[in-house]
Amino acid sequence: MSHRITGPSDYYNRKLIRDLWKTKRRIWRNISKKLSNSRRLRVEANLYRINNKTKKDDVIVIPGKVLGNGDLTHKLTISCLDCSESAKKKIEQSGSKLLSIDELLEQNPTGKNVKIFY
């Protein structure tokens, strides 16, 4: 019987999951669990949904991909695993910031005022 590795096969995703888990903070561990799920269970968020469910100057983490359907009408800080090209352009046009999850973890290791977007 052989040992079968489950979870993401990408080295950087596995490293991110380990780093998030090692923080021992509830918010980062929740994101780590969400990222370690299979790819079909990951979040795919359109900009119109993000716009409707957030307020000005929110900091959100999307454990998945941001898609470019819709527009943003207020400034946000968005951290995600992946982002489409059209979503990147629209985020920059609205004056919002787009970060990777690694960068947000370095800037805010405690996870205060960070919301997980499901």
PDB file of N, CA and C in Angstrom:
ATOM      1  N   MET A   1       0.846  -1.172   0.000  1.00  0.00           N
ATOM      2  CA  MET A   1       0.000   0.000   0.000  1.00  0.00           C
ATOM      3  C   MET A   1       0.891   1.233   0.000  1.00  0.00           C
ATOM      4  N   SER A   2       0.689   2.088  -0.949  1.00  0.00           N
ATOM      5  CA  SER A   2       1.522   3.276  -1.053  1.00  0.00           C
ATOM      6  C   SER A   2       0.818   4.475  -0.427  1.00  0.00           C
ATOM      7  N   HIS A   3       1.620   5.426  -0.040  1.00  0.00           N
ATOM      8  CA  HIS A   3       1.090   6.664   0.527  1.00  0.00           C
ATOM      9  C   HIS A   3       0.732   7.610  -0.611  1.00  0.00           C
ATOM     10  N   ARG A   4      -0.493   8.047  -0.632  1.00  0.00           N
ATOM     11  CA  ARG A   4      -0.940   8.939  -1.686  1.00  0.00           C
ATOM     12  C   ARG A   4      -1.090  10.356  -1.133  1.00  0.00           C
ATOM     13  N   ILE A   5      -0.418  11.314  -1.743  1.00  0.00           N
ATOM     14  CA  ILE A   5      -0.474  12.695  -1.308  1.00  0.00           C
ATOM     15  C   ILE A   5      -1.759  13.325  -1.831  1.00  0.00           C
ATOM     16  N   THR A   6      -2.484  13.962  -0.936  1.00  0.00           N
ATOM     17  CA  THR A   6      -3.702  14.653  -1.349  1.00  0.00           C
ATOM     18  C   THR A   6      -3.505  16.149  -1.141  1.00  0.00           C
ATOM     19  N   GLY A   7      -4.375  16.929  -1.705  1.00  0.00           N
ATOM     20  CA  GLY A   7      -4.267  18.370  -1.586  1.00  0.00           C
ATOM     21  C   GLY A   7      -3.591  18.945  -2.819  1.00  0.00           C
ATOM     22  N   PRO A   8      -3.231  20.230  -2.767  1.00  0.00           N
ATOM     23  CA  PRO A   8      -2.640  20.884  -3.930  1.00  0.00           C
ATOM     24  C   PRO A   8      -1.271  20.322  -4.274  1.00  0.00           C
ATOM     25  N   SER A   9      -0.998  20.195  -5.551  1.00  0.00           N
ATOM     26  CA  SER A   9       0.289  19.672  -5.987  1.00  0.00           C
ATOM     27  C   SER A   9       1.299  20.778  -6.266  1.00  0.00           C
ATOM     28  N   ASP A  10       0.840  22.015  -6.340  1.00  0.00           N
ATOM     29  CA  ASP A  10       1.728  23.140  -6.583  1.00  0.00           C
ATOM     30  C   ASP A  10       2.549  23.426  -5.325  1.00  0.00           C
ATOM     31  N   TYR A  11       3.866  23.523  -5.488  1.00  0.00           N
ATOM     32  CA  TYR A  11       4.775  23.725  -4.352  1.00  0.00           C
ATOM     33  C   TYR A  11       4.457  25.005  -3.588  1.00  0.00           C
ATOM     34  N   TYR A  12       4.190  26.101  -4.299  1.00  0.00           N
ATOM     35  CA  TYR A  12       3.946  27.382  -3.658  1.00  0.00           C
ATOM     36  C   TYR A  12       2.634  27.395  -2.878  1.00  0.00           C
ATOM     37  N   ASN A  13       1.624  26.715  -3.380  1.00  0.00           N
ATOM     38  CA  ASN A  13       0.367  26.616  -2.643  1.00  0.00           C
ATOM     39  C   ASN A  13       0.546  25.793  -1.375  1.00  0.00           C
ATOM     40  N   ARG A  14       1.287  24.705  -1.453  1.00  0.00           N
ATOM     41  CA  ARG A  14       1.542  23.891  -0.259  1.00  0.00           C
ATOM     42  C   ARG A  14       2.314  24.681   0.777  1.00  0.00           C
ATOM     43  N   LYS A  15       3.313  25.451   0.314  1.00  0.00           N
ATOM     44  CA  LYS A  15       4.108  26.266   1.230  1.00  0.00           C
ATOM     45  C   LYS A  15       3.240  27.341   1.882  1.00  0.00           C
ATOM     46  N   LEU A  16       2.369  27.975   1.110  1.00  0.00           N
ATOM     47  CA  LEU A  16       1.459  28.978   1.645  1.00  0.00           C
ATOM     48  C   LEU A  16       0.542  28.372   2.703  1.00  0.00           C
ATOM     49  N   ILE A  17       0.012  27.195   2.439  1.00  0.00           N
ATOM     50  CA  ILE A  17      -0.865  26.518   3.391  1.00  0.00           C
ATOM     51  C   ILE A  17      -0.125  26.239   4.696  1.00  0.00           C
ATOM     52  N   ARG A  18       1.122  25.761   4.593  1.00  0.00           N
ATOM     53  CA  ARG A  18       1.926  25.500   5.806  1.00  0.00           C
ATOM     54  C   ARG A  18       2.216  26.782   6.573  1.00  0.00           C
ATOM     55  N   ASP A  19       2.590  27.844   5.862  1.00  0.00           N
ATOM     56  CA  ASP A  19       2.905  29.111   6.521  1.00  0.00           C
ATOM     57  C   ASP A  19       1.685  29.698   7.227  1.00  0.00           C
ATOM     58  N   LEU A  20       0.530  29.603   6.599  1.00  0.00           N
ATOM     59  CA  LEU A  20      -0.695  30.103   7.221  1.00  0.00           C
ATOM     60  C   LEU A  20      -1.037  29.293   8.468  1.00  0.00           C
ATOM     61  N   TRP A  21      -0.836  27.980   8.417  1.00  0.00           N
ATOM     62  CA  TRP A  21      -1.160  27.122   9.546  1.00  0.00           C
ATOM     63  C   TRP A  21      -0.225  27.377  10.731  1.00  0.00           C
ATOM     64  N   LYS A  22       1.034  27.669  10.441  1.00  0.00           N
ATOM     65  CA  LYS A  22       2.024  27.884  11.501  1.00  0.00           C
ATOM     66  C   LYS A  22       1.783  29.155  12.309  1.00  0.00           C
ATOM     67  N   THR A  23       0.993  30.095  11.804  1.00  0.00           N
ATOM     68  CA  THR A  23       0.743  31.336  12.527  1.00  0.00           C
ATOM     69  C   THR A  23      -0.063  31.112  13.796  1.00  0.00           C
ATOM     70  N   LYS A  24      -0.828  30.026  13.838  1.00  0.00           N
ATOM     71  CA  LYS A  24      -1.688  29.677  14.970  1.00  0.00           C
ATOM     72  C   LYS A  24      -2.745  30.742  15.260  1.00  0.00           C
ATOM     73  N   ARG A  25      -3.092  31.516  14.254  1.00  0.00           N
ATOM     74  CA  ARG A  25      -4.194  32.477  14.341  1.00  0.00           C
ATOM     75  C   ARG A  25      -5.405  31.868  13.660  1.00  0.00           C
ATOM     76  N   ARG A  26      -6.564  32.065  14.242  1.00  0.00           N
ATOM     77  CA  ARG A  26      -7.776  31.422  13.732  1.00  0.00           C
ATOM     78  C   ARG A  26      -8.074  31.811  12.285  1.00  0.00           C
ATOM     79  N   ILE A  27      -7.949  33.082  11.952  1.00  0.00           N
ATOM     80  CA  ILE A  27      -8.297  33.517  10.590  1.00  0.00           C
ATOM     81  C   ILE A  27      -7.372  32.893   9.554  1.00  0.00           C
ATOM     82  N   TRP A  28      -6.078  32.857   9.842  1.00  0.00           N
ATOM     83  CA  TRP A  28      -5.134  32.292   8.875  1.00  0.00           C
ATOM     84  C   TRP A  28      -5.287  30.782   8.788  1.00  0.00           C
ATOM     85  N   ARG A  29      -5.635  30.127   9.901  1.00  0.00           N
ATOM     86  CA  ARG A  29      -5.874  28.677   9.846  1.00  0.00           C
ATOM     87  C   ARG A  29      -7.130  28.352   9.042  1.00  0.00           C
ATOM     88  N   ASN A  30      -8.157  29.184   9.155  1.00  0.00           N
ATOM     89  CA  ASN A  30      -9.371  28.959   8.347  1.00  0.00           C
ATOM     90  C   ASN A  30      -9.066  29.079   6.858  1.00  0.00           C
ATOM     91  N   ILE A  31      -8.257  30.058   6.505  1.00  0.00           N
ATOM     92  CA  ILE A  31      -7.872  30.222   5.098  1.00  0.00           C
ATOM     93  C   ILE A  31      -7.021  29.047   4.646  1.00  0.00           C
ATOM     94  N   SER A  32      -6.145  28.569   5.520  1.00  0.00           N
ATOM     95  CA  SER A  32      -5.307  27.414   5.205  1.00  0.00           C
ATOM     96  C   SER A  32      -6.160  26.175   4.918  1.00  0.00           C
ATOM     97  N   LYS A  33      -7.187  25.954   5.736  1.00  0.00           N
ATOM     98  CA  LYS A  33      -8.089  24.814   5.519  1.00  0.00           C
ATOM     99  C   LYS A  33      -8.825  24.945   4.191  1.00  0.00           C
ATOM    100  N   LYS A  34      -9.280  26.169   3.899  1.00  0.00           N
ATOM    101  CA  LYS A  34     -10.026  26.396   2.657  1.00  0.00           C
ATOM    102  C   LYS A  34      -9.133  26.153   1.436  1.00  0.00           C
ATOM    103  N   LEU A  35      -7.863  26.566   1.526  1.00  0.00           N
ATOM    104  CA  LEU A  35      -6.937  26.374   0.400  1.00  0.00           C
ATOM    105  C   LEU A  35      -6.520  24.925   0.224  1.00  0.00           C
ATOM    106  N   SER A  36      -6.555  24.146   1.302  1.00  0.00           N
ATOM    107  CA  SER A  36      -6.128  22.757   1.193  1.00  0.00           C
ATOM    108  C   SER A  36      -7.226  21.848   0.631  1.00  0.00           C
ATOM    109  N   ASN A  37      -8.428  22.377   0.461  1.00  0.00           N
ATOM    110  CA  ASN A  37      -9.502  21.614  -0.182  1.00  0.00           C
ATOM    111  C   ASN A  37      -9.175  21.393  -1.652  1.00  0.00           C
ATOM    112  N   SER A  38      -9.984  20.569  -2.291  1.00  0.00           N
ATOM    113  CA  SER A  38      -9.787  20.332  -3.711  1.00  0.00           C
ATOM    114  C   SER A  38     -10.094  21.602  -4.506  1.00  0.00           C
ATOM    115  N   ARG A  39      -9.598  21.659  -5.709  1.00  0.00           N
ATOM    116  CA  ARG A  39      -9.723  22.854  -6.537  1.00  0.00           C
ATOM    117  C   ARG A  39     -11.177  23.175  -6.870  1.00  0.00           C
ATOM    118  N   ARG A  40     -12.011  22.182  -7.001  1.00  0.00           N
ATOM    119  CA  ARG A  40     -13.413  22.438  -7.352  1.00  0.00           C
ATOM    120  C   ARG A  40     -14.203  23.051  -6.201  1.00  0.00           C
ATOM    121  N   LEU A  41     -13.674  22.982  -4.972  1.00  0.00           N
ATOM    122  CA  LEU A  41     -14.338  23.588  -3.820  1.00  0.00           C
ATOM    123  C   LEU A  41     -13.827  24.994  -3.509  1.00  0.00           C
ATOM    124  N   ARG A  42     -12.871  25.488  -4.294  1.00  0.00           N
ATOM    125  CA  ARG A  42     -12.339  26.824  -4.059  1.00  0.00           C
ATOM    126  C   ARG A  42     -13.336  27.899  -4.470  1.00  0.00           C
ATOM    127  N   VAL A  43     -13.197  29.048  -3.866  1.00  0.00           N
ATOM    128  CA  VAL A  43     -14.101  30.171  -4.106  1.00  0.00           C
ATOM    129  C   VAL A  43     -13.742  30.842  -5.425  1.00  0.00           C
ATOM    130  N   GLU A  44     -14.751  31.173  -6.197  1.00  0.00           N
ATOM    131  CA  GLU A  44     -14.599  32.011  -7.384  1.00  0.00           C
ATOM    132  C   GLU A  44     -15.540  33.186  -7.199  1.00  0.00           C
ATOM    133  N   ALA A  45     -14.967  34.377  -7.012  1.00  0.00           N
ATOM    134  CA  ALA A  45     -15.775  35.548  -6.699  1.00  0.00           C
ATOM    135  C   ALA A  45     -15.738  36.553  -7.840  1.00  0.00           C
ATOM    136  N   ASN A  46     -16.891  36.964  -8.297  1.00  0.00           N
ATOM    137  CA  ASN A  46     -16.991  38.015  -9.298  1.00  0.00           C
ATOM    138  C   ASN A  46     -16.934  39.376  -8.614  1.00  0.00           C
ATOM    139  N   LEU A  47     -16.497  40.386  -9.362  1.00  0.00           N
ATOM    140  CA  LEU A  47     -16.368  41.726  -8.793  1.00  0.00           C
ATOM    141  C   LEU A  47     -17.704  42.313  -8.341  1.00  0.00           C
ATOM    142  N   TYR A  48     -18.792  41.997  -9.039  1.00  0.00           N
ATOM    143  CA  TYR A  48     -20.076  42.546  -8.623  1.00  0.00           C
ATOM    144  C   TYR A  48     -20.487  42.002  -7.256  1.00  0.00           C
ATOM    145  N   ARG A  49     -20.166  40.727  -6.966  1.00  0.00           N
ATOM    146  CA  ARG A  49     -20.463  40.150  -5.649  1.00  0.00           C
ATOM    147  C   ARG A  49     -19.598  40.779  -4.567  1.00  0.00           C
ATOM    148  N   ILE A  50     -18.320  40.993  -4.889  1.00  0.00           N
ATOM    149  CA  ILE A  50     -17.415  41.624  -3.934  1.00  0.00           C
ATOM    150  C   ILE A  50     -17.903  43.037  -3.635  1.00  0.00           C
ATOM    151  N   ASN A  51     -18.318  43.755  -4.663  1.00  0.00           N
ATOM    152  CA  ASN A  51     -18.797  45.128  -4.501  1.00  0.00           C
ATOM    153  C   ASN A  51     -20.045  45.181  -3.621  1.00  0.00           C
ATOM    154  N   ASN A  52     -20.958  44.239  -3.786  1.00  0.00           N
ATOM    155  CA  ASN A  52     -22.209  44.235  -3.030  1.00  0.00           C
ATOM    156  C   ASN A  52     -22.014  43.854  -1.565  1.00  0.00           C
ATOM    157  N   LYS A  53     -21.023  43.040  -1.267  1.00  0.00           N
ATOM    158  CA  LYS A  53     -20.884  42.505   0.094  1.00  0.00           C
ATOM    159  C   LYS A  53     -19.805  43.184   0.926  1.00  0.00           C
ATOM    160  N   THR A  54     -19.168  44.229   0.395  1.00  0.00           N
ATOM    161  CA  THR A  54     -18.114  44.905   1.140  1.00  0.00           C
ATOM    162  C   THR A  54     -18.419  46.391   1.274  1.00  0.00           C
ATOM    163  N   LYS A  55     -17.669  47.029   2.197  1.00  0.00           N
ATOM    164  CA  LYS A  55     -17.776  48.470   2.389  1.00  0.00           C
ATOM    165  C   LYS A  55     -16.446  49.111   2.018  1.00  0.00           C
ATOM    166  N   LYS A  56     -16.421  50.424   2.021  1.00  0.00           N
ATOM    167  CA  LYS A  56     -15.207  51.165   1.689  1.00  0.00           C
ATOM    168  C   LYS A  56     -14.097  50.841   2.693  1.00  0.00           C
ATOM    169  N   ASP A  57     -12.882  50.679   2.185  1.00  0.00           N
ATOM    170  CA  ASP A  57     -11.663  50.421   2.959  1.00  0.00           C
ATOM    171  C   ASP A  57     -11.658  49.084   3.688  1.00  0.00           C
ATOM    172  N   ASP A  58     -12.450  48.112   3.263  1.00  0.00           N
ATOM    173  CA  ASP A  58     -12.384  46.767   3.827  1.00  0.00           C
ATOM    174  C   ASP A  58     -11.130  46.058   3.326  1.00  0.00           C
ATOM    175  N   VAL A  59     -10.664  45.110   4.124  1.00  0.00           N
ATOM    176  CA  VAL A  59      -9.556  44.237   3.734  1.00  0.00           C
ATOM    177  C   VAL A  59     -10.140  42.837   3.679  1.00  0.00           C
ATOM    178  N   ILE A  60     -10.134  42.243   2.480  1.00  0.00           N
ATOM    179  CA  ILE A  60     -10.729  40.914   2.329  1.00  0.00           C
ATOM    180  C   ILE A  60      -9.718  39.935   1.759  1.00  0.00           C
ATOM    181  N   VAL A  61      -9.905  38.669   2.124  1.00  0.00           N
ATOM    182  CA  VAL A  61      -9.108  37.573   1.590  1.00  0.00           C
ATOM    183  C   VAL A  61     -10.052  36.633   0.872  1.00  0.00           C
ATOM    184  N   ILE A  62      -9.700  36.302  -0.355  1.00  0.00           N
ATOM    185  CA  ILE A  62     -10.486  35.361  -1.145  1.00  0.00           C
ATOM    186  C   ILE A  62      -9.632  34.117  -1.357  1.00  0.00           C
ATOM    187  N   PRO A  63      -9.977  33.003  -0.704  1.00  0.00           N
ATOM    188  CA  PRO A  63      -9.183  31.789  -0.874  1.00  0.00           C
ATOM    189  C   PRO A  63      -9.522  31.083  -2.188  1.00  0.00           C
ATOM    190  N   GLY A  64      -9.283  31.762  -3.279  1.00  0.00           N
ATOM    191  CA  GLY A  64      -9.591  31.254  -4.602  1.00  0.00           C
ATOM    192  C   GLY A  64      -9.268  32.289  -5.648  1.00  0.00           C
ATOM    193  N   LYS A  65     -10.141  32.402  -6.638  1.00  0.00           N
ATOM    194  CA  LYS A  65      -9.881  33.278  -7.783  1.00  0.00           C
ATOM    195  C   LYS A  65     -10.895  34.413  -7.855  1.00  0.00           C
ATOM    196  N   VAL A  66     -10.411  35.592  -8.263  1.00  0.00           N
ATOM    197  CA  VAL A  66     -11.282  36.751  -8.503  1.00  0.00           C
ATOM    198  C   VAL A  66     -11.519  36.840 -10.002  1.00  0.00           C
ATOM    199  N   LEU A  67     -12.790  36.940 -10.384  1.00  0.00           N
ATOM    200  CA  LEU A  67     -13.173  37.030 -11.791  1.00  0.00           C
ATOM    201  C   LEU A  67     -13.668  38.440 -12.098  1.00  0.00           C
ATOM    202  N   GLY A  68     -13.585  38.846 -13.342  1.00  0.00           N
ATOM    203  CA  GLY A  68     -13.819  40.230 -13.721  1.00  0.00           C
ATOM    204  C   GLY A  68     -15.221  40.610 -14.104  1.00  0.00           C
ATOM    205  N   ASN A  69     -16.233  39.864 -13.722  1.00  0.00           N
ATOM    206  CA  ASN A  69     -17.611  40.196 -14.066  1.00  0.00           C
ATOM    207  C   ASN A  69     -18.139  41.246 -13.088  1.00  0.00           C
ATOM    208  N   GLY A  70     -18.425  42.442 -13.560  1.00  0.00           N
ATOM    209  CA  GLY A  70     -18.922  43.516 -12.716  1.00  0.00           C
ATOM    210  C   GLY A  70     -17.883  44.610 -12.528  1.00  0.00           C
ATOM    211  N   ASP A  71     -18.171  45.547 -11.632  1.00  0.00           N
ATOM    212  CA  ASP A  71     -17.279  46.671 -11.352  1.00  0.00           C
ATOM    213  C   ASP A  71     -17.203  46.901  -9.857  1.00  0.00           C
ATOM    214  N   LEU A  72     -16.129  47.585  -9.434  1.00  0.00           N
ATOM    215  CA  LEU A  72     -15.999  48.032  -8.048  1.00  0.00           C
ATOM    216  C   LEU A  72     -16.291  49.528  -7.997  1.00  0.00           C
ATOM    217  N   THR A  73     -17.084  49.946  -7.018  1.00  0.00           N
ATOM    218  CA  THR A  73     -17.412  51.360  -6.885  1.00  0.00           C
ATOM    219  C   THR A  73     -16.732  52.004  -5.689  1.00  0.00           C
ATOM    220  N   HIS A  74     -16.021  51.230  -4.886  1.00  0.00           N
ATOM    221  CA  HIS A  74     -15.316  51.780  -3.737  1.00  0.00           C
ATOM    222  C   HIS A  74     -13.952  51.099  -3.589  1.00  0.00           C
ATOM    223  N   LYS A  75     -13.073  51.718  -2.788  1.00  0.00           N
ATOM    224  CA  LYS A  75     -11.709  51.215  -2.630  1.00  0.00           C
ATOM    225  C   LYS A  75     -11.680  50.086  -1.612  1.00  0.00           C
ATOM    226  N   LEU A  76     -10.914  49.042  -1.950  1.00  0.00           N
ATOM    227  CA  LEU A  76     -10.744  47.872  -1.099  1.00  0.00           C
ATOM    228  C   LEU A  76      -9.288  47.443  -1.133  1.00  0.00           C
ATOM    229  N   THR A  77      -8.941  46.569  -0.224  1.00  0.00           N
ATOM    230  CA  THR A  77      -7.700  45.821  -0.327  1.00  0.00           C
ATOM    231  C   THR A  77      -8.104  44.369  -0.492  1.00  0.00           C
ATOM    232  N   ILE A  78      -7.775  43.802  -1.646  1.00  0.00           N
ATOM    233  CA  ILE A  78      -8.180  42.444  -1.976  1.00  0.00           C
ATOM    234  C   ILE A  78      -6.937  41.567  -2.017  1.00  0.00           C
ATOM    235  N   SER A  79      -7.004  40.461  -1.304  1.00  0.00           N
ATOM    236  CA  SER A  79      -5.928  39.486  -1.312  1.00  0.00           C
ATOM    237  C   SER A  79      -6.521  38.167  -1.801  1.00  0.00           C
ATOM    238  N   CYS A  80      -5.884  37.564  -2.792  1.00  0.00           N
ATOM    239  CA  CYS A  80      -6.450  36.342  -3.358  1.00  0.00           C
ATOM    240  C   CYS A  80      -5.344  35.414  -3.829  1.00  0.00           C
ATOM    241  N   LEU A  81      -5.737  34.182  -4.117  1.00  0.00           N
ATOM    242  CA  LEU A  81      -4.809  33.194  -4.632  1.00  0.00           C
ATOM    243  C   LEU A  81      -4.498  33.455  -6.098  1.00  0.00           C
ATOM    244  N   ASP A  82      -5.520  33.823  -6.864  1.00  0.00           N
ATOM    245  CA  ASP A  82      -5.351  34.077  -8.290  1.00  0.00           C
ATOM    246  C   ASP A  82      -6.376  35.125  -8.722  1.00  0.00           C
ATOM    247  N   CYS A  83      -6.082  35.783  -9.829  1.00  0.00           N
ATOM    248  CA  CYS A  83      -6.949  36.855 -10.313  1.00  0.00           C
ATOM    249  C   CYS A  83      -6.894  36.884 -11.837  1.00  0.00           C
ATOM    250  N   SER A  84      -8.033  37.077 -12.479  1.00  0.00           N
ATOM    251  CA  SER A  84      -8.055  37.166 -13.934  1.00  0.00           C
ATOM    252  C   SER A  84      -7.520  38.526 -14.373  1.00  0.00           C
ATOM    253  N   GLU A  85      -7.110  38.609 -15.627  1.00  0.00           N
ATOM    254  CA  GLU A  85      -6.544  39.860 -16.159  1.00  0.00           C
ATOM    255  C   GLU A  85      -7.576  40.988 -16.165  1.00  0.00           C
ATOM    256  N   SER A  86      -8.812  40.687 -16.549  1.00  0.00           N
ATOM    257  CA  SER A  86      -9.838  41.732 -16.575  1.00  0.00           C
ATOM    258  C   SER A  86     -10.149  42.220 -15.166  1.00  0.00           C
ATOM    259  N   ALA A  87     -10.113  41.324 -14.181  1.00  0.00           N
ATOM    260  CA  ALA A  87     -10.351  41.734 -12.798  1.00  0.00           C
ATOM    261  C   ALA A  87      -9.217  42.621 -12.297  1.00  0.00           C
ATOM    262  N   LYS A  88      -7.974  42.317 -12.675  1.00  0.00           N
ATOM    263  CA  LYS A  88      -6.836  43.150 -12.260  1.00  0.00           C
ATOM    264  C   LYS A  88      -6.994  44.571 -12.772  1.00  0.00           C
ATOM    265  N   LYS A  89      -7.377  44.705 -14.041  1.00  0.00           N
ATOM    266  CA  LYS A  89      -7.553  46.033 -14.627  1.00  0.00           C
ATOM    267  C   LYS A  89      -8.653  46.813 -13.909  1.00  0.00           C
ATOM    268  N   LYS A  90      -9.772  46.162 -13.640  1.00  0.00           N
ATOM    269  CA  LYS A  90     -10.891  46.845 -12.999  1.00  0.00           C
ATOM    270  C   LYS A  90     -10.573  47.212 -11.552  1.00  0.00           C
ATOM    271  N   ILE A  91      -9.814  46.365 -10.869  1.00  0.00           N
ATOM    272  CA  ILE A  91      -9.415  46.662  -9.491  1.00  0.00           C
ATOM    273  C   ILE A  91      -8.496  47.870  -9.460  1.00  0.00           C
ATOM    274  N   GLU A  92      -7.544  47.932 -10.388  1.00  0.00           N
ATOM    275  CA  GLU A  92      -6.633  49.076 -10.452  1.00  0.00           C
ATOM    276  C   GLU A  92      -7.383  50.359 -10.819  1.00  0.00           C
ATOM    277  N   GLN A  93      -8.365  50.270 -11.719  1.00  0.00           N
ATOM    278  CA  GLN A  93      -9.139  51.446 -12.129  1.00  0.00           C
ATOM    279  C   GLN A  93      -9.960  52.016 -10.976  1.00  0.00           C
ATOM    280  N   SER A  94     -10.403  51.158 -10.074  1.00  0.00           N
ATOM    281  CA  SER A  94     -11.215  51.639  -8.953  1.00  0.00           C
ATOM    282  C   SER A  94     -10.364  52.222  -7.828  1.00  0.00           C
ATOM    283  N   GLY A  95      -9.041  52.092  -7.916  1.00  0.00           N
ATOM    284  CA  GLY A  95      -8.157  52.619  -6.879  1.00  0.00           C
ATOM    285  C   GLY A  95      -7.917  51.643  -5.751  1.00  0.00           C
ATOM    286  N   SER A  96      -8.363  50.421  -5.912  1.00  0.00           N
ATOM    287  CA  SER A  96      -8.172  49.392  -4.891  1.00  0.00           C
ATOM    288  C   SER A  96      -6.796  48.770  -5.012  1.00  0.00           C
ATOM    289  N   LYS A  97      -6.396  48.058  -3.956  1.00  0.00           N
ATOM    290  CA  LYS A  97      -5.114  47.359  -3.957  1.00  0.00           C
ATOM    291  C   LYS A  97      -5.346  45.869  -4.116  1.00  0.00           C
ATOM    292  N   LEU A  98      -4.483  45.218  -4.876  1.00  0.00           N
ATOM    293  CA  LEU A  98      -4.537  43.784  -5.065  1.00  0.00           C
ATOM    294  C   LEU A  98      -3.238  43.195  -4.528  1.00  0.00           C
ATOM    295  N   LEU A  99      -3.341  42.295  -3.551  1.00  0.00           N
ATOM    296  CA  LEU A  99      -2.178  41.675  -2.928  1.00  0.00           C
ATOM    297  C   LEU A  99      -2.297  40.165  -3.020  1.00  0.00           C
ATOM    298  N   SER A 100      -1.154  39.504  -2.907  1.00  0.00           N
ATOM    299  CA  SER A 100      -1.207  38.050  -2.750  1.00  0.00           C
ATOM    300  C   SER A 100      -1.450  37.760  -1.269  1.00  0.00           C
ATOM    301  N   ILE A 101      -1.828  36.541  -0.969  1.00  0.00           N
ATOM    302  CA  ILE A 101      -2.092  36.169   0.419  1.00  0.00           C
ATOM    303  C   ILE A 101      -0.799  36.238   1.233  1.00  0.00           C
ATOM    304  N   ASP A 102       0.341  35.910   0.615  1.00  0.00           N
ATOM    305  CA  ASP A 102       1.647  36.018   1.291  1.00  0.00           C
ATOM    306  C   ASP A 102       1.916  37.447   1.741  1.00  0.00           C
ATOM    307  N   GLU A 103       1.688  38.391   0.847  1.00  0.00           N
ATOM    308  CA  GLU A 103       1.951  39.800   1.156  1.00  0.00           C
ATOM    309  C   GLU A 103       1.055  40.303   2.281  1.00  0.00           C
ATOM    310  N   LEU A 104      -0.206  39.894   2.275  1.00  0.00           N
ATOM    311  CA  LEU A 104      -1.111  40.311   3.336  1.00  0.00           C
ATOM    312  C   LEU A 104      -0.703  39.690   4.666  1.00  0.00           C
ATOM    313  N   LEU A 105      -0.246  38.459   4.639  1.00  0.00           N
ATOM    314  CA  LEU A 105       0.223  37.804   5.858  1.00  0.00           C
ATOM    315  C   LEU A 105       1.430  38.529   6.438  1.00  0.00           C
ATOM    316  N   GLU A 106       2.346  38.988   5.576  1.00  0.00           N
ATOM    317  CA  GLU A 106       3.503  39.746   6.052  1.00  0.00           C
ATOM    318  C   GLU A 106       3.088  41.102   6.617  1.00  0.00           C
ATOM    319  N   GLN A 107       2.131  41.780   5.976  1.00  0.00           N
ATOM    320  CA  GLN A 107       1.694  43.096   6.425  1.00  0.00           C
ATOM    321  C   GLN A 107       0.849  43.028   7.698  1.00  0.00           C
ATOM    322  N   ASN A 108       0.063  41.980   7.830  1.00  0.00           N
ATOM    323  CA  ASN A 108      -0.865  41.869   8.949  1.00  0.00           C
ATOM    324  C   ASN A 108      -0.807  40.453   9.527  1.00  0.00           C
ATOM    325  N   PRO A 109       0.238  40.103  10.292  1.00  0.00           N
ATOM    326  CA  PRO A 109       0.356  38.741  10.802  1.00  0.00           C
ATOM    327  C   PRO A 109      -0.715  38.368  11.836  1.00  0.00           C
ATOM    328  N   THR A 110      -1.298  39.360  12.495  1.00  0.00           N
ATOM    329  CA  THR A 110      -2.336  39.050  13.478  1.00  0.00           C
ATOM    330  C   THR A 110      -3.690  38.817  12.826  1.00  0.00           C
ATOM    331  N   GLY A 111      -3.897  39.352  11.638  1.00  0.00           N
ATOM    332  CA  GLY A 111      -5.156  39.159  10.930  1.00  0.00           C
ATOM    333  C   GLY A 111      -6.268  40.077  11.402  1.00  0.00           C
ATOM    334  N   LYS A 112      -5.933  41.172  12.067  1.00  0.00           N
ATOM    335  CA  LYS A 112      -6.972  42.093  12.546  1.00  0.00           C
ATOM    336  C   LYS A 112      -7.615  42.824  11.375  1.00  0.00           C
ATOM    337  N   ASN A 113      -8.935  42.980  11.458  1.00  0.00           N
ATOM    338  CA  ASN A 113      -9.751  43.684  10.456  1.00  0.00           C
ATOM    339  C   ASN A 113      -9.681  43.051   9.072  1.00  0.00           C
ATOM    340  N   VAL A 114      -9.377  41.773   9.002  1.00  0.00           N
ATOM    341  CA  VAL A 114      -9.362  41.046   7.734  1.00  0.00           C
ATOM    342  C   VAL A 114     -10.593  40.167   7.686  1.00  0.00           C
ATOM    343  N   LYS A 115     -11.292  40.205   6.570  1.00  0.00           N
ATOM    344  CA  LYS A 115     -12.507  39.399   6.402  1.00  0.00           C
ATOM    345  C   LYS A 115     -12.265  38.343   5.335  1.00  0.00           C
ATOM    346  N   ILE A 116     -12.775  37.153   5.585  1.00  0.00           N
ATOM    347  CA  ILE A 116     -12.692  36.074   4.597  1.00  0.00           C
ATOM    348  C   ILE A 116     -13.952  36.150   3.740  1.00  0.00           C
ATOM    349  N   PHE A 117     -13.755  36.148   2.434  1.00  0.00           N
ATOM    350  CA  PHE A 117     -14.877  36.238   1.489  1.00  0.00           C
ATOM    351  C   PHE A 117     -15.144  34.852   0.935  1.00  0.00           C
ATOM    352  N   TYR A 118     -16.336  34.307   1.238  1.00  0.00           N
ATOM    353  CA  TYR A 118     -16.698  32.967   0.746  1.00  0.00           C
ATOM    354  C   TYR A 118     -17.601  33.063  -0.434  1.00  0.00           C
TER     355      TYR A 118
END
